[in-house]
């Protein structure tokens, strides 16, 4: 079984960065869309500069212009752009072109497409997108992500034929090893599962990372 990477999403405080620097997930995520975890570009830039360079930086966007997304990626030194809204397939081609125009072609910024899985039919759209990976999250009416609920992991395993899978939705230290055994995803993505009272919890982060990495050996 290949090593599953770890993404801790929704960092917004200096202490969140300190937790990440101590425990070294593979990725952290900054939410630029409407959310209780939202940070603006100037705040995310400060947090990004504090982050250990061993950790890759992802930005989460929902229905934002390609220029806004590309500018945020440059200013915050993002390694990954994670698109969570209703953006059509052509948006991804336009975003890559915008990044190229801004001189980012040598930065190798990855573009991930998030899909809220309601059933097997949701997966049929995946080949339409020019994405480097697909974030599969649970579907919740009126929400673009972060619902904190699991979905049928068998569908995620099936979706691997379309590309690398980042598994999200309701993961915890207790269920992530089972999720990895079913899906063997490229990465797992967690936010609320490592929080207490709405804030990142260092002990939960530590235990989650240990649980993922011990399952990969």
Protein backbone atom coordinates (compact mmCIF):
# COMPACT_ATOMS: atom_id res chain seq x y z
CA UNK A 1 0.00 0.00 0.00
CA UNK A 2 1.39 3.41 -0.98
CA UNK A 3 1.92 6.16 1.56
CA UNK A 4 -1.26 8.20 2.00
CA UNK A 5 -0.62 11.91 2.29
CA UNK A 6 -2.32 14.06 4.92
CA UNK A 7 -4.01 17.44 4.53
CA UNK A 8 -5.21 19.43 7.55
CA UNK A 9 -7.68 22.02 6.32
CA UNK A 10 -9.05 25.25 7.73
CA UNK A 11 -6.03 26.71 9.52
CA UNK A 12 -6.57 30.32 10.57
CA UNK A 13 -4.58 31.00 13.77
CA UNK A 14 -0.87 31.26 14.48
CA UNK A 15 -1.18 28.37 16.91
CA UNK A 16 -2.67 26.23 14.12
CA UNK A 17 0.51 26.83 12.15
CA UNK A 18 2.59 25.93 15.20
CA UNK A 19 0.70 22.64 15.49
CA UNK A 20 1.34 21.90 11.80
CA UNK A 21 5.03 22.74 12.09
CA UNK A 22 5.40 20.36 15.01
CA UNK A 23 3.56 17.42 13.45
CA UNK A 24 4.25 17.98 9.72
CA UNK A 25 1.22 16.96 7.69
CA UNK A 26 1.92 16.90 3.96
CA UNK A 27 -0.50 19.74 3.24
CA UNK A 28 -2.43 22.43 5.07
CA UNK A 29 -5.44 24.24 3.67
CA UNK A 30 -6.47 27.89 3.84
CA UNK A 31 -10.15 28.56 3.15
CA UNK A 32 -10.75 31.66 1.02
CA UNK A 33 -14.49 31.03 0.58
CA UNK A 34 -17.39 31.83 2.88
CA UNK A 35 -16.88 29.65 5.97
CA UNK A 36 -16.33 29.91 9.70
CA UNK A 37 -12.74 28.97 8.82
CA UNK A 38 -12.32 31.67 6.17
CA UNK A 39 -9.15 33.76 6.00
CA UNK A 40 -8.47 36.66 3.66
CA UNK A 41 -5.43 36.81 1.41
CA UNK A 42 -3.39 39.07 3.69
CA UNK A 43 -4.00 36.81 6.68
CA UNK A 44 -3.27 33.65 4.72
CA UNK A 45 -0.04 35.18 3.44
CA UNK A 46 1.15 35.82 7.00
CA UNK A 47 0.25 32.28 8.07
CA UNK A 48 1.88 30.84 4.95
CA UNK A 49 5.15 32.61 5.70
CA UNK A 50 5.13 31.04 9.18
CA UNK A 51 4.64 27.52 7.80
CA UNK A 52 7.48 25.01 7.58
CA UNK A 53 8.51 24.69 3.93
CA UNK A 54 8.26 20.91 4.15
CA UNK A 55 4.49 21.41 4.20
CA UNK A 56 2.59 22.27 1.01
CA UNK A 57 0.01 25.06 1.02
CA UNK A 58 -3.46 24.59 -0.46
CA UNK A 59 -6.11 27.24 -1.00
CA UNK A 60 -9.83 26.43 -1.05
CA UNK A 61 -12.04 28.50 -3.37
CA UNK A 62 -15.75 28.50 -4.23
CA UNK A 63 -17.18 30.22 -7.32
CA UNK A 64 -14.45 32.86 -7.45
CA UNK A 65 -12.98 34.40 -10.60
CA UNK A 66 -9.88 32.84 -12.11
CA UNK A 67 -8.03 36.11 -11.59
CA UNK A 68 -8.93 36.25 -7.90
CA UNK A 69 -7.84 32.65 -7.43
CA UNK A 70 -4.59 33.06 -9.34
CA UNK A 71 -3.69 36.26 -7.50
CA UNK A 72 -4.29 34.59 -4.13
CA UNK A 73 -2.15 31.64 -5.22
CA UNK A 74 0.74 33.94 -6.04
CA UNK A 75 0.47 36.14 -2.96
CA UNK A 76 0.18 33.22 -0.55
CA UNK A 77 2.68 30.89 -2.23
CA UNK A 78 0.10 28.17 -2.81
CA UNK A 79 1.16 24.76 -4.07
CA UNK A 80 -2.41 23.59 -4.61
CA UNK A 81 -5.60 25.33 -5.75
CA UNK A 82 -8.67 23.43 -4.57
CA UNK A 83 -11.88 24.31 -6.42
CA UNK A 84 -15.09 23.52 -4.53
CA UNK A 85 -17.92 25.33 -6.28
CA UNK A 86 -20.04 25.03 -9.41
CA UNK A 87 -17.23 25.93 -11.78
CA UNK A 88 -17.64 24.24 -15.21
CA UNK A 89 -14.84 22.25 -16.87
CA UNK A 90 -13.80 25.23 -19.02
CA UNK A 91 -13.01 27.15 -15.81
CA UNK A 92 -10.07 24.83 -15.15
CA UNK A 93 -8.54 25.49 -18.57
CA UNK A 94 -9.03 29.24 -18.06
CA UNK A 95 -7.46 29.06 -14.59
CA UNK A 96 -4.38 27.26 -15.89
CA UNK A 97 -4.07 29.85 -18.65
CA UNK A 98 -4.39 32.67 -16.12
CA UNK A 99 -1.66 31.14 -13.97
CA UNK A 100 0.55 30.85 -17.05
CA UNK A 101 -0.05 34.51 -17.94
CA UNK A 102 0.99 35.52 -14.44
CA UNK A 103 4.25 33.61 -14.80
CA UNK A 104 3.35 30.59 -12.67
CA UNK A 105 4.10 27.89 -15.24
CA UNK A 106 7.32 27.02 -13.44
CA UNK A 107 5.67 26.86 -10.03
CA UNK A 108 3.84 23.60 -10.79
CA UNK A 109 0.73 24.68 -8.90
CA UNK A 110 -1.62 21.69 -8.76
CA UNK A 111 -5.34 22.15 -9.35
CA UNK A 112 -7.75 19.88 -7.48
CA UNK A 113 -11.47 19.57 -8.18
CA UNK A 114 -13.80 18.84 -5.28
CA UNK A 115 -16.87 16.70 -5.92
CA UNK A 116 -19.66 16.27 -3.40
CA UNK A 117 -20.64 12.63 -3.71
CA UNK A 118 -24.38 12.01 -3.71
CA UNK A 119 -24.19 8.75 -5.66
CA UNK A 120 -22.33 6.93 -8.41
CA UNK A 121 -23.67 9.32 -11.08
CA UNK A 122 -21.63 12.16 -9.54
CA UNK A 123 -18.44 10.41 -10.55
CA UNK A 124 -19.25 10.32 -14.26
CA UNK A 125 -18.39 14.02 -14.54
CA UNK A 126 -14.81 13.54 -13.34
CA UNK A 127 -13.19 12.94 -16.78
CA UNK A 128 -14.50 16.32 -17.96
CA UNK A 129 -12.18 18.25 -15.64
CA UNK A 130 -8.52 19.08 -16.22
CA UNK A 131 -7.64 18.38 -12.59
CA UNK A 132 -4.52 16.94 -10.99
CA UNK A 133 -6.59 15.24 -8.27
CA UNK A 134 -10.18 14.98 -7.10
CA UNK A 135 -11.31 15.77 -3.58
CA UNK A 136 -14.30 13.54 -2.84
CA UNK A 137 -16.46 14.88 -0.04
CA UNK A 138 -19.89 14.03 1.28
CA UNK A 139 -22.91 15.81 -0.18
CA UNK A 140 -24.85 18.15 2.10
CA UNK A 141 -27.68 20.31 0.82
CA UNK A 142 -26.68 23.97 0.67
CA UNK A 143 -23.04 23.29 1.53
CA UNK A 144 -19.92 23.25 -0.64
CA UNK A 145 -17.95 21.12 1.83
CA UNK A 146 -16.95 20.74 5.42
CA UNK A 147 -20.15 18.94 6.42
CA UNK A 148 -18.19 16.46 8.54
CA UNK A 149 -20.07 13.37 7.31
CA UNK A 150 -18.79 10.25 5.59
CA UNK A 151 -20.08 8.77 2.34
CA UNK A 152 -19.78 5.39 0.60
CA UNK A 153 -16.02 4.83 0.41
CA UNK A 154 -16.60 2.13 -2.18
CA UNK A 155 -17.53 4.90 -4.61
CA UNK A 156 -14.23 6.64 -3.85
CA UNK A 157 -12.33 3.43 -4.57
CA UNK A 158 -14.17 3.11 -7.88
CA UNK A 159 -13.36 6.74 -8.74
CA UNK A 160 -9.61 6.07 -8.67
CA UNK A 161 -9.84 5.05 -12.32
CA UNK A 162 -10.32 8.75 -13.11
CA UNK A 163 -7.29 10.05 -11.20
CA UNK A 164 -5.75 10.63 -7.80
CA UNK A 165 -8.30 10.75 -4.99
CA UNK A 166 -8.17 12.99 -1.93
CA UNK A 167 -10.67 11.50 0.50
CA UNK A 168 -12.61 13.94 2.69
CA UNK A 169 -15.79 13.96 4.73
CA UNK A 170 -16.20 12.84 8.30
CA UNK A 171 -12.74 11.38 8.78
CA UNK A 172 -11.37 10.92 12.29
CA UNK A 173 -8.47 9.12 13.92
CA UNK A 174 -10.91 6.26 14.60
CA UNK A 175 -12.10 5.62 11.06
CA UNK A 176 -9.25 6.80 8.84
CA UNK A 177 -7.36 3.50 8.82
CA UNK A 178 -10.51 1.73 7.62
CA UNK A 179 -11.02 4.42 4.99
CA UNK A 180 -7.46 3.98 3.74
CA UNK A 181 -7.83 0.20 3.60
CA UNK A 182 -10.94 0.59 1.41
CA UNK A 183 -9.80 3.43 -0.86
CA UNK A 184 -5.98 3.63 -0.65
CA UNK A 185 -6.30 7.31 -1.60
CA UNK A 186 -3.58 9.68 -2.69
CA UNK A 187 -4.41 11.77 0.39
CA UNK A 188 -6.89 12.20 3.22
CA UNK A 189 -8.32 15.61 4.06
CA UNK A 190 -9.58 16.54 7.52
CA UNK A 191 -10.85 19.69 9.22
CA UNK A 192 -13.62 19.32 11.82
CA UNK A 193 -12.26 15.90 12.84
CA UNK A 194 -9.22 17.58 14.39
CA UNK A 195 -11.14 20.38 16.10
CA UNK A 196 -12.50 20.98 19.59
CA UNK A 197 -15.07 23.75 20.10
CA UNK A 198 -14.43 25.07 16.59
CA UNK A 199 -10.64 25.37 16.91
CA UNK A 200 -7.83 23.10 15.82
CA UNK A 201 -6.81 20.67 18.57
CA UNK A 202 -3.11 19.76 18.62
CA UNK A 203 -3.64 16.41 20.30
CA UNK A 204 -6.25 15.39 17.72
CA UNK A 205 -3.94 16.48 14.90
CA UNK A 206 -1.10 14.43 16.38
CA UNK A 207 -3.27 11.32 16.81
CA UNK A 208 -4.78 11.62 13.33
CA UNK A 209 -1.39 11.92 11.67
CA UNK A 210 -0.08 8.96 13.66
CA UNK A 211 -3.12 6.89 12.69
CA UNK A 212 -2.67 7.62 8.98
CA UNK A 213 1.05 7.04 8.89
CA UNK A 214 0.95 3.85 10.92
CA UNK A 215 -1.62 2.45 8.50
CA UNK A 216 0.73 2.94 5.58
CA UNK A 217 3.42 0.55 6.84
